PDB file of N, CA and C in Angstrom:
ATOM      1  N   UNK A   1      72.437  98.311  93.584  1.00  0.00           N
ATOM      2  CA  UNK A   1      72.618  98.316  92.068  1.00  0.00           C
ATOM      3  C   UNK A   1      72.948  97.093  91.299  1.00  0.00           C
ATOM      4  N   UNK A   2      73.536  96.014  92.056  1.00  0.00           N
ATOM      5  CA  UNK A   2      73.457  94.764  91.754  1.00  0.00           C
ATOM      6  C   UNK A   2      72.244  93.894  91.517  1.00  0.00           C
ATOM      7  N   UNK A   3      71.498  94.219  92.471  1.00  0.00           N
ATOM      8  CA  UNK A   3      70.024  93.797  92.346  1.00  0.00           C
ATOM      9  C   UNK A   3      69.289  93.602  91.332  1.00  0.00           C
ATOM     10  N   UNK A   4      69.061  94.891  90.660  1.00  0.00           N
ATOM     11  CA  UNK A   4      68.549  94.848  89.444  1.00  0.00           C
ATOM     12  C   UNK A   4      69.186  94.065  88.208  1.00  0.00           C
ATOM     13  N   UNK A   5      70.581  93.728  88.276  1.00  0.00           N
ATOM     14  CA  UNK A   5      71.311  93.193  87.593  1.00  0.00           C
ATOM     15  C   UNK A   5      70.903  91.704  87.562  1.00  0.00           C
ATOM     16  N   UNK A   6      70.822  91.154  88.834  1.00  0.00           N
ATOM     17  CA  UNK A   6      70.412  90.103  89.075  1.00  0.00           C
ATOM     18  C   UNK A   6      69.094  89.536  88.988  1.00  0.00           C
ATOM     19  N   UNK A   7      68.225  90.545  88.823  1.00  0.00           N
ATOM     20  CA  UNK A   7      66.629  90.415  88.449  1.00  0.00           C
ATOM     21  C   UNK A   7      66.691  89.853  87.093  1.00  0.00           C
ATOM     22  N   UNK A   8      67.653  91.255  86.329  1.00  0.00           N
ATOM     23  CA  UNK A   8      67.432  90.698  84.992  1.00  0.00           C
ATOM     24  C   UNK A   8      68.067  89.294  84.667  1.00  0.00           C
ATOM     25  N   UNK A   9      68.935  88.784  84.927  1.00  0.00           N
ATOM     26  CA  UNK A   9      69.640  87.535  84.743  1.00  0.00           C
ATOM     27  C   UNK A   9      68.586  86.529  85.018  1.00  0.00           C
ATOM     28  N   UNK A  10      67.777  86.650  86.308  1.00  0.00           N
ATOM     29  CA  UNK A  10      66.806  85.485  86.632  1.00  0.00           C
ATOM     30  C   UNK A  10      65.764  85.449  85.557  1.00  0.00           C
ATOM     31  N   UNK A  11      65.189  86.802  85.282  1.00  0.00           N
ATOM     32  CA  UNK A  11      64.309  86.795  84.233  1.00  0.00           C
ATOM     33  C   UNK A  11      64.401  86.455  82.975  1.00  0.00           C
ATOM     34  N   UNK A  12      65.687  86.857  82.407  1.00  0.00           N
ATOM     35  CA  UNK A  12      66.199  86.083  81.256  1.00  0.00           C
ATOM     36  C   UNK A  12      66.288  84.582  80.942  1.00  0.00           C
ATOM     37  N   UNK A  13      66.706  84.205  82.117  1.00  0.00           N
ATOM     38  CA  UNK A  13      66.929  82.792  82.363  1.00  0.00           C
ATOM     39  C   UNK A  13      65.446  81.826  82.354  1.00  0.00           C
ATOM     40  N   UNK A  14      64.439  82.708  82.516  1.00  0.00           N
ATOM     41  CA  UNK A  14      63.091  81.896  82.664  1.00  0.00           C
ATOM     42  C   UNK A  14      62.398  82.259  81.337  1.00  0.00           C
ATOM     43  N   UNK A  15      63.002  82.735  80.301  1.00  0.00           N
ATOM     44  CA  UNK A  15      62.587  83.078  79.017  1.00  0.00           C
ATOM     45  C   UNK A  15      62.590  81.802  78.181  1.00  0.00           C
ATOM     46  N   UNK A  16      61.789  81.346  77.515  1.00  0.00           N
ATOM     47  CA  UNK A  16      62.143  80.235  76.568  1.00  0.00           C
ATOM     48  C   UNK A  16      63.264  80.453  75.577  1.00  0.00           C
ATOM     49  N   UNK A  17      64.191  79.543  75.347  1.00  0.00           N
ATOM     50  CA  UNK A  17      65.013  79.551  74.466  1.00  0.00           C
ATOM     51  C   UNK A  17      64.913  80.123  73.011  1.00  0.00           C
ATOM     52  N   UNK A  18      65.627  81.114  72.541  1.00  0.00           N
ATOM     53  CA  UNK A  18      65.392  81.306  71.080  1.00  0.00           C
ATOM     54  C   UNK A  18      66.748  81.014  70.265  1.00  0.00           C
ATOM     55  N   UNK A  19      66.565  80.727  68.939  1.00  0.00           N
ATOM     56  CA  UNK A  19      67.768  80.238  68.194  1.00  0.00           C
ATOM     57  C   UNK A  19      68.203  81.520  68.033  1.00  0.00           C
ATOM     58  N   UNK A  20      69.502  81.990  67.661  1.00  0.00           N
ATOM     59  CA  UNK A  20      70.164  83.232  67.449  1.00  0.00           C
ATOM     60  C   UNK A  20      70.236  83.060  65.812  1.00  0.00           C
ATOM     61  N   UNK A  21      69.365  84.112  65.575  1.00  0.00           N
ATOM     62  CA  UNK A  21      69.237  84.300  63.852  1.00  0.00           C
ATOM     63  C   UNK A  21      70.874  84.436  63.327  1.00  0.00           C
ATOM     64  N   UNK A  22      71.764  85.540  63.755  1.00  0.00           N
ATOM     65  CA  UNK A  22      72.925  85.773  63.025  1.00  0.00           C
ATOM     66  C   UNK A  22      74.079  85.279  63.997  1.00  0.00           C
ATOM     67  N   UNK A  23      74.737  84.355  63.977  1.00  0.00           N
ATOM     68  CA  UNK A  23      75.840  83.672  64.796  1.00  0.00           C
ATOM     69  C   UNK A  23      76.919  84.630  64.931  1.00  0.00           C
ATOM     70  N   UNK A  24      76.986  85.689  64.074  1.00  0.00           N
ATOM     71  CA  UNK A  24      78.109  86.755  64.221  1.00  0.00           C
ATOM     72  C   UNK A  24      77.844  87.575  65.357  1.00  0.00           C
ATOM     73  N   UNK A  25      76.632  87.704  65.562  1.00  0.00           N
ATOM     74  CA  UNK A  25      76.593  88.582  67.031  1.00  0.00           C
ATOM     75  C   UNK A  25      76.808  87.622  68.431  1.00  0.00           C
ATOM     76  N   UNK A  26      77.211  86.640  68.396  1.00  0.00           N
ATOM     77  CA  UNK A  26      77.458  85.635  69.431  1.00  0.00           C
ATOM     78  C   UNK A  26      78.687  85.086  69.498  1.00  0.00           C
ATOM     79  N   UNK A  27      79.614  84.967  70.399  1.00  0.00           N
ATOM     80  CA  UNK A  27      80.838  84.215  70.046  1.00  0.00           C
ATOM     81  C   UNK A  27      80.448  82.969  70.167  1.00  0.00           C
ATOM     82  N   UNK A  28      81.257  81.945  69.773  1.00  0.00           N
ATOM     83  CA  UNK A  28      81.425  80.630  69.555  1.00  0.00           C
ATOM     84  C   UNK A  28      81.105  80.075  70.825  1.00  0.00           C
ATOM     85  N   UNK A  29      81.805  80.581  71.747  1.00  0.00           N
ATOM     86  CA  UNK A  29      81.811  80.148  73.337  1.00  0.00           C
ATOM     87  C   UNK A  29      80.242  80.237  73.722  1.00  0.00           C
ATOM     88  N   UNK A  30      79.570  81.382  73.510  1.00  0.00           N
ATOM     89  CA  UNK A  30      78.333  81.657  73.844  1.00  0.00           C
ATOM     90  C   UNK A  30      77.235  81.019  73.183  1.00  0.00           C
ATOM     91  N   UNK A  31      77.376  80.926  71.798  1.00  0.00           N
ATOM     92  CA  UNK A  31      76.385  80.003  71.076  1.00  0.00           C
ATOM     93  C   UNK A  31      76.297  78.619  71.563  1.00  0.00           C
ATOM     94  N   UNK A  32      77.380  77.998  71.802  1.00  0.00           N
ATOM     95  CA  UNK A  32      77.619  76.849  72.260  1.00  0.00           C
ATOM     96  C   UNK A  32      77.291  76.359  73.548  1.00  0.00           C
ATOM     97  N   UNK A  33      77.324  77.341  74.410  1.00  0.00           N
ATOM     98  CA  UNK A  33      76.651  77.288  75.730  1.00  0.00           C
ATOM     99  C   UNK A  33      75.259  77.611  75.763  1.00  0.00           C
ATOM    100  N   UNK A  34      74.753  78.378  75.204  1.00  0.00           N
ATOM    101  CA  UNK A  34      73.170  78.555  74.998  1.00  0.00           C
ATOM    102  C   UNK A  34      72.660  77.661  74.317  1.00  0.00           C
ATOM    103  N   UNK A  35      73.314  76.766  73.280  1.00  0.00           N
ATOM    104  CA  UNK A  35      72.847  75.446  72.685  1.00  0.00           C
ATOM    105  C   UNK A  35      72.296  74.639  73.921  1.00  0.00           C
ATOM    106  N   UNK A  36      73.753  74.467  74.729  1.00  0.00           N
ATOM    107  CA  UNK A  36      73.364  73.407  75.852  1.00  0.00           C
ATOM    108  C   UNK A  36      72.418  73.867  77.011  1.00  0.00           C
ATOM    109  N   UNK A  37      71.937  74.929  76.933  1.00  0.00           N
ATOM    110  CA  UNK A  37      71.046  75.306  78.111  1.00  0.00           C
ATOM    111  C   UNK A  37      69.648  75.552  77.385  1.00  0.00           C
ATOM    112  N   UNK A  38      69.462  75.169  76.494  1.00  0.00           N
ATOM    113  CA  UNK A  38      68.155  75.116  75.834  1.00  0.00           C
ATOM    114  C   UNK A  38      67.115  74.282  76.422  1.00  0.00           C
ATOM    115  N   UNK A  39      67.375  72.841  76.811  1.00  0.00           N
ATOM    116  CA  UNK A  39      66.434  72.281  77.304  1.00  0.00           C
ATOM    117  C   UNK A  39      66.370  72.364  78.920  1.00  0.00           C
ATOM    118  N   UNK A  40      67.336  73.024  79.356  1.00  0.00           N
ATOM    119  CA  UNK A  40      67.111  73.765  80.916  1.00  0.00           C
ATOM    120  C   UNK A  40      66.429  74.669  80.992  1.00  0.00           C
ATOM    121  N   UNK A  41      66.654  75.666  80.097  1.00  0.00           N
ATOM    122  CA  UNK A  41      66.057  76.851  80.116  1.00  0.00           C
ATOM    123  C   UNK A  41      64.474  76.382  79.585  1.00  0.00           C
ATOM    124  N   UNK A  42      64.130  75.714  79.124  1.00  0.00           N
ATOM    125  CA  UNK A  42      62.933  75.227  78.406  1.00  0.00           C
ATOM    126  C   UNK A  42      61.976  74.351  79.777  1.00  0.00           C
ATOM    127  N   UNK A  43      62.784  73.954  80.575  1.00  0.00           N
ATOM    128  CA  UNK A  43      62.035  73.046  81.746  1.00  0.00           C
ATOM    129  C   UNK A  43      62.026  74.115  82.828  1.00  0.00           C
ATOM    130  N   UNK A  44      62.633  75.273  82.909  1.00  0.00           N
ATOM    131  CA  UNK A  44      62.380  76.670  83.631  1.00  0.00           C
ATOM    132  C   UNK A  44      61.094  77.067  83.370  1.00  0.00           C
ATOM    133  N   UNK A  45      60.824  77.376  82.032  1.00  0.00           N
ATOM    134  CA  UNK A  45      59.725  77.647  81.405  1.00  0.00           C
ATOM    135  C   UNK A  45      58.610  76.929  81.809  1.00  0.00           C
ATOM    136  N   UNK A  46      58.623  75.697  82.037  1.00  0.00           N
ATOM    137  CA  UNK A  46      57.584  74.671  82.343  1.00  0.00           C
ATOM    138  C   UNK A  46      57.458  74.804  83.993  1.00  0.00           C
ATOM    139  N   UNK A  47      58.263  75.342  84.593  1.00  0.00           N
ATOM    140  CA  UNK A  47      58.306  75.230  86.056  1.00  0.00           C
ATOM    141  C   UNK A  47      58.667  73.533  86.473  1.00  0.00           C
ATOM    142  N   UNK A  48      59.432  73.049  85.713  1.00  0.00           N
ATOM    143  CA  UNK A  48      60.056  71.821  86.210  1.00  0.00           C
ATOM    144  C   UNK A  48      61.636  71.929  86.666  1.00  0.00           C
ATOM    145  N   UNK A  49      61.517  72.581  87.978  1.00  0.00           N
ATOM    146  CA  UNK A  49      62.855  72.877  88.508  1.00  0.00           C
ATOM    147  C   UNK A  49      63.801  71.757  88.480  1.00  0.00           C
ATOM    148  N   UNK A  50      63.224  70.493  89.103  1.00  0.00           N
ATOM    149  CA  UNK A  50      64.493  69.321  89.404  1.00  0.00           C
ATOM    150  C   UNK A  50      64.844  69.081  88.042  1.00  0.00           C
ATOM    151  N   UNK A  51      64.078  68.982  86.846  1.00  0.00           N
ATOM    152  CA  UNK A  51      64.624  68.643  85.657  1.00  0.00           C
ATOM    153  C   UNK A  51      65.862  69.789  85.003  1.00  0.00           C
ATOM    154  N   UNK A  52      65.329  70.821  85.316  1.00  0.00           N
ATOM    155  CA  UNK A  52      66.075  72.018  85.050  1.00  0.00           C
ATOM    156  C   UNK A  52      67.492  72.205  85.688  1.00  0.00           C
ATOM    157  N   UNK A  53      67.305  71.944  86.954  1.00  0.00           N
ATOM    158  CA  UNK A  53      68.394  71.719  87.518  1.00  0.00           C
ATOM    159  C   UNK A  53      69.540  70.743  87.155  1.00  0.00           C
ATOM    160  N   UNK A  54      68.915  69.412  86.721  1.00  0.00           N
ATOM    161  CA  UNK A  54      69.596  68.334  86.428  1.00  0.00           C
ATOM    162  C   UNK A  54      70.550  68.933  85.042  1.00  0.00           C
ATOM    163  N   UNK A  55      69.770  69.498  84.343  1.00  0.00           N
ATOM    164  CA  UNK A  55      70.289  69.655  83.017  1.00  0.00           C
ATOM    165  C   UNK A  55      71.264  70.856  83.242  1.00  0.00           C
ATOM    166  N   UNK A  56      71.159  72.045  83.995  1.00  0.00           N
ATOM    167  CA  UNK A  56      71.939  72.986  84.242  1.00  0.00           C
ATOM    168  C   UNK A  56      73.228  72.066  84.887  1.00  0.00           C
ATOM    169  N   UNK A  57      73.298  71.092  85.545  1.00  0.00           N
ATOM    170  CA  UNK A  57      74.471  70.583  86.273  1.00  0.00           C
ATOM    171  C   UNK A  57      75.303  69.813  85.061  1.00  0.00           C
ATOM    172  N   UNK A  58      74.697  69.037  84.114  1.00  0.00           N
ATOM    173  CA  UNK A  58      75.673  69.063  83.052  1.00  0.00           C
ATOM    174  C   UNK A  58      76.275  69.954  82.437  1.00  0.00           C
ATOM    175  N   UNK A  59      75.704  71.000  82.305  1.00  0.00           N
ATOM    176  CA  UNK A  59      76.262  72.213  81.545  1.00  0.00           C
ATOM    177  C   UNK A  59      77.460  72.567  82.341  1.00  0.00           C
ATOM    178  N   UNK A  60      77.316  73.037  83.710  1.00  0.00           N
ATOM    179  CA  UNK A  60      78.295  73.071  84.543  1.00  0.00           C
ATOM    180  C   UNK A  60      79.378  72.558  84.476  1.00  0.00           C
ATOM    181  N   UNK A  61      79.022  71.309  84.312  1.00  0.00           N
ATOM    182  CA  UNK A  61      80.581  70.232  84.096  1.00  0.00           C
ATOM    183  C   UNK A  61      81.464  70.658  83.049  1.00  0.00           C
ATOM    184  N   UNK A  62      80.682  71.377  82.154  1.00  0.00           N
ATOM    185  CA  UNK A  62      81.744  71.852  80.973  1.00  0.00           C
ATOM    186  C   UNK A  62      82.006  73.599  81.067  1.00  0.00           C
ATOM    187  N   UNK A  63      81.035  74.311  81.837  1.00  0.00           N
ATOM    188  CA  UNK A  63      81.309  75.432  81.899  1.00  0.00           C
ATOM    189  C   UNK A  63      81.107  76.060  83.596  1.00  0.00           C
ATOM    190  N   UNK A  64      82.015  75.178  84.121  1.00  0.00           N
ATOM    191  CA  UNK A  64      81.800  75.493  85.967  1.00  0.00           C
ATOM    192  C   UNK A  64      82.578  76.880  86.240  1.00  0.00           C
ATOM    193  N   UNK A  65      82.885  78.000  85.471  1.00  0.00           N
ATOM    194  CA  UNK A  65      83.227  79.190  86.057  1.00  0.00           C
ATOM    195  C   UNK A  65      82.335  80.304  85.286  1.00  0.00           C
ATOM    196  N   UNK A  66      81.395  79.721  84.445  1.00  0.00           N
ATOM    197  CA  UNK A  66      80.491  80.503  83.625  1.00  0.00           C
ATOM    198  C   UNK A  66      79.221  81.339  84.738  1.00  0.00           C
ATOM    199  N   UNK A  67      79.715  82.542  84.972  1.00  0.00           N
ATOM    200  CA  UNK A  67      78.456  83.372  85.866  1.00  0.00           C
ATOM    201  C   UNK A  67      77.007  83.140  85.398  1.00  0.00           C
ATOM    202  N   UNK A  68      76.800  83.218  84.265  1.00  0.00           N
ATOM    203  CA  UNK A  68      75.338  83.151  83.633  1.00  0.00           C
ATOM    204  C   UNK A  68      74.881  81.836  84.110  1.00  0.00           C
ATOM    205  N   UNK A  69      75.879  80.797  83.683  1.00  0.00           N
ATOM    206  CA  UNK A  69      75.232  79.478  84.174  1.00  0.00           C
ATOM    207  C   UNK A  69      75.229  79.040  85.681  1.00  0.00           C
ATOM    208  N   UNK A  70      75.937  79.518  86.465  1.00  0.00           N
ATOM    209  CA  UNK A  70      76.182  79.632  87.756  1.00  0.00           C
ATOM    210  C   UNK A  70      74.793  80.281  88.384  1.00  0.00           C
ATOM    211  N   UNK A  71      74.536  81.388  87.717  1.00  0.00           N
ATOM    212  CA  UNK A  71      72.965  82.171  88.419  1.00  0.00           C
ATOM    213  C   UNK A  71      72.023  81.395  87.996  1.00  0.00           C
ATOM    214  N   UNK A  72      71.885  80.935  86.845  1.00  0.00           N
ATOM    215  CA  UNK A  72      70.597  80.500  86.267  1.00  0.00           C
ATOM    216  C   UNK A  72      70.244  79.175  87.068  1.00  0.00           C
ATOM    217  N   UNK A  73      71.465  78.307  87.236  1.00  0.00           N
ATOM    218  CA  UNK A  73      71.490  77.288  87.903  1.00  0.00           C
ATOM    219  C   UNK A  73      70.887  77.409  89.419  1.00  0.00           C
ATOM    220  N   UNK A  74      71.236  78.255  89.835  1.00  0.00           N
ATOM    221  CA  UNK A  74      71.078  78.766  91.391  1.00  0.00           C
ATOM    222  C   UNK A  74      69.757  79.283  91.548  1.00  0.00           C
ATOM    223  N   UNK A  75      69.213  79.638  90.670  1.00  0.00           N
ATOM    224  CA  UNK A  75      67.617  80.027  90.361  1.00  0.00           C
ATOM    225  C   UNK A  75      66.998  78.734  90.381  1.00  0.00           C
ATOM    226  N   UNK A  76      67.407  77.659  89.349  1.00  0.00           N
ATOM    227  CA  UNK A  76      66.566  76.523  89.378  1.00  0.00           C
ATOM    228  C   UNK A  76      66.672  75.749  90.921  1.00  0.00           C
ATOM    229  N   UNK A  77      67.592  76.014  91.636  1.00  0.00           N
ATOM    230  CA  UNK A  77      67.787  75.150  92.870  1.00  0.00           C
ATOM    231  C   UNK A  77      66.995  75.949  93.938  1.00  0.00           C
TER     232      UNK A  77
END
């Protein structure tokens, strides 16, 4: 049951970043996190995994316990 969820998280991390049109639908925490993830997610989309991992490590310095960031950083690694 957890595998489909993991696959979904990995697949969503590989999609190019999109700006959120309505910020009321996303918490401040999530919107700040997503803004920081933009360059890393774009690097993943371009299959530049080393660059993405470097960017994810910077985000992990701020969001070290965020499961989404941990999962997509693991995917880049």
